[in-house]
C-alpha atoms as a PDB file:
ATOM      1  CA  UNK A   1       0.000   0.000   0.000  1.00  0.00           C
ATOM      2  CA  UNK A   2       2.932   2.330   0.445  1.00  0.00           C
ATOM      3  CA  UNK A   3       1.946   5.786   1.665  1.00  0.00           C
ATOM      4  CA  UNK A   4      -1.701   5.533   0.598  1.00  0.00           C
ATOM      5  CA  UNK A   5      -3.045   4.910   4.151  1.00  0.00           C
ATOM      6  CA  UNK A   6      -1.362   8.142   5.223  1.00  0.00           C
ATOM      7  CA  UNK A   7      -3.304  10.076   2.586  1.00  0.00           C
ATOM      8  CA  UNK A   8      -6.782   8.642   3.072  1.00  0.00           C
ATOM      9  CA  UNK A   9      -8.697   5.997   4.987  1.00  0.00           C
ATOM     10  CA  UNK A  10     -10.454   3.226   3.096  1.00  0.00           C
ATOM     11  CA  UNK A  11     -14.194   3.754   3.023  1.00  0.00           C
ATOM     12  CA  UNK A  12     -13.956   7.221   4.592  1.00  0.00           C
ATOM     13  CA  UNK A  13     -12.178   9.568   2.195  1.00  0.00           C
ATOM     14  CA  UNK A  14     -12.016   7.070  -0.660  1.00  0.00           C
ATOM     15  CA  UNK A  15     -11.576   3.410  -1.526  1.00  0.00           C
ATOM     16  CA  UNK A  16      -8.427   1.368  -1.766  1.00  0.00           C
ATOM     17  CA  UNK A  17      -8.251  -0.433  -5.092  1.00  0.00           C
ATOM     18  CA  UNK A  18      -6.561  -3.766  -5.433  1.00  0.00           C
ATOM     19  CA  UNK A  19      -4.635  -3.327  -8.660  1.00  0.00           C
ATOM     20  CA  UNK A  20      -4.221  -7.095  -8.864  1.00  0.00           C
ATOM     21  CA  UNK A  21      -7.991  -7.536  -9.064  1.00  0.00           C
ATOM     22  CA  UNK A  22      -9.426  -5.384 -11.869  1.00  0.00           C
ATOM     23  CA  UNK A  23     -12.942  -6.798 -11.479  1.00  0.00           C
ATOM     24  CA  UNK A  24     -13.077  -5.792  -7.812  1.00  0.00           C
ATOM     25  CA  UNK A  25     -11.655  -2.361  -8.614  1.00  0.00           C
ATOM     26  CA  UNK A  26     -14.194  -1.829 -11.394  1.00  0.00           C
ATOM     27  CA  UNK A  27     -17.029  -2.878  -9.089  1.00  0.00           C
ATOM     28  CA  UNK A  28     -15.925  -0.295  -6.510  1.00  0.00           C
ATOM     29  CA  UNK A  29     -15.750   2.395  -9.181  1.00  0.00           C
ATOM     30  CA  UNK A  30     -19.209   1.558 -10.537  1.00  0.00           C
ATOM     31  CA  UNK A  31     -20.614   1.499  -7.005  1.00  0.00           C
ATOM     32  CA  UNK A  32     -19.145   4.927  -6.313  1.00  0.00           C
ATOM     33  CA  UNK A  33     -20.344   6.371  -9.615  1.00  0.00           C
ATOM     34  CA  UNK A  34     -23.868   5.157  -8.904  1.00  0.00           C
ATOM     35  CA  UNK A  35     -23.977   6.468  -5.326  1.00  0.00           C
ATOM     36  CA  UNK A  36     -23.917  10.279  -5.152  1.00  0.00           C
ATOM     37  CA  UNK A  37     -24.491  10.222  -1.383  1.00  0.00           C
ATOM     38  CA  UNK A  38     -21.307   8.224  -0.790  1.00  0.00           C
ATOM     39  CA  UNK A  39     -19.345  10.414  -3.213  1.00  0.00           C
ATOM     40  CA  UNK A  40     -20.501  13.532  -1.381  1.00  0.00           C
ATOM     41  CA  UNK A  41     -19.731  12.032   2.042  1.00  0.00           C
ATOM     42  CA  UNK A  42     -16.244  10.992   0.935  1.00  0.00           C
ATOM     43  CA  UNK A  43     -15.640  14.369  -0.681  1.00  0.00           C
ATOM     44  CA  UNK A  44     -16.522  16.216   2.522  1.00  0.00           C
ATOM     45  CA  UNK A  45     -14.387  13.831   4.579  1.00  0.00           C
ATOM     46  CA  UNK A  46     -11.444  14.246   2.187  1.00  0.00           C
ATOM     47  CA  UNK A  47     -11.638  18.041   2.387  1.00  0.00           C
ATOM     48  CA  UNK A  48     -11.730  17.901   6.193  1.00  0.00           C
ATOM     49  CA  UNK A  49      -8.794  15.510   6.307  1.00  0.00           C
ATOM     50  CA  UNK A  50      -6.790  17.692   3.944  1.00  0.00           C
ATOM     51  CA  UNK A  51      -7.449  20.781   6.059  1.00  0.00           C
ATOM     52  CA  UNK A  52      -6.479  18.945   9.254  1.00  0.00           C
ATOM     53  CA  UNK A  53      -3.422  17.057   7.965  1.00  0.00           C
ATOM     54  CA  UNK A  54      -2.042  18.539   4.746  1.00  0.00           C
ATOM     55  CA  UNK A  55      -2.866  22.238   4.599  1.00  0.00           C
ATOM     56  CA  UNK A  56       0.269  24.369   4.198  1.00  0.00           C
ATOM     57  CA  UNK A  57      -0.185  25.933   7.630  1.00  0.00           C
ATOM     58  CA  UNK A  58      -0.442  22.544   9.311  1.00  0.00           C
ATOM     59  CA  UNK A  59       2.504  21.055   7.451  1.00  0.00           C
ATOM     60  CA  UNK A  60       4.566  24.206   7.924  1.00  0.00           C
ATOM     61  CA  UNK A  61       3.954  24.199  11.674  1.00  0.00           C
ATOM     62  CA  UNK A  62       5.107  20.573  11.835  1.00  0.00           C
ATOM     63  CA  UNK A  63       8.194  21.132   9.701  1.00  0.00           C
ATOM     64  CA  UNK A  64       9.426  24.355  11.284  1.00  0.00           C
ATOM     65  CA  UNK A  65      10.688  22.825  14.560  1.00  0.00           C
ATOM     66  CA  UNK A  66      12.494  20.114  12.583  1.00  0.00           C
ATOM     67  CA  UNK A  67      14.104  22.643  10.269  1.00  0.00           C
ATOM     68  CA  UNK A  68      15.103  24.968  13.095  1.00  0.00           C
ATOM     69  CA  UNK A  69      16.495  22.066  15.094  1.00  0.00           C
ATOM     70  CA  UNK A  70      18.532  21.005  12.078  1.00  0.00           C
ATOM     71  CA  UNK A  71      20.189  24.426  11.922  1.00  0.00           C
ATOM     72  CA  UNK A  72      21.626  24.061  15.429  1.00  0.00           C
ATOM     73  CA  UNK A  73      23.425  20.775  14.845  1.00  0.00           C
END
């Protein structure tokens, strides 16, 4: 899965797709395309997660102490 679980949670902000199983992946895509309520819910959740975890102000605040600490070594 690599870094994917760090970006979104399966079933909350999106779906994990098993690239080794195209039929399963296609079924998930069709299900999502046919379900506007789930798409909207996941979209809202993804926007909230982005704002909480990946917004430039959040990331910057996390990186600054690391960068400043690195200057003193």
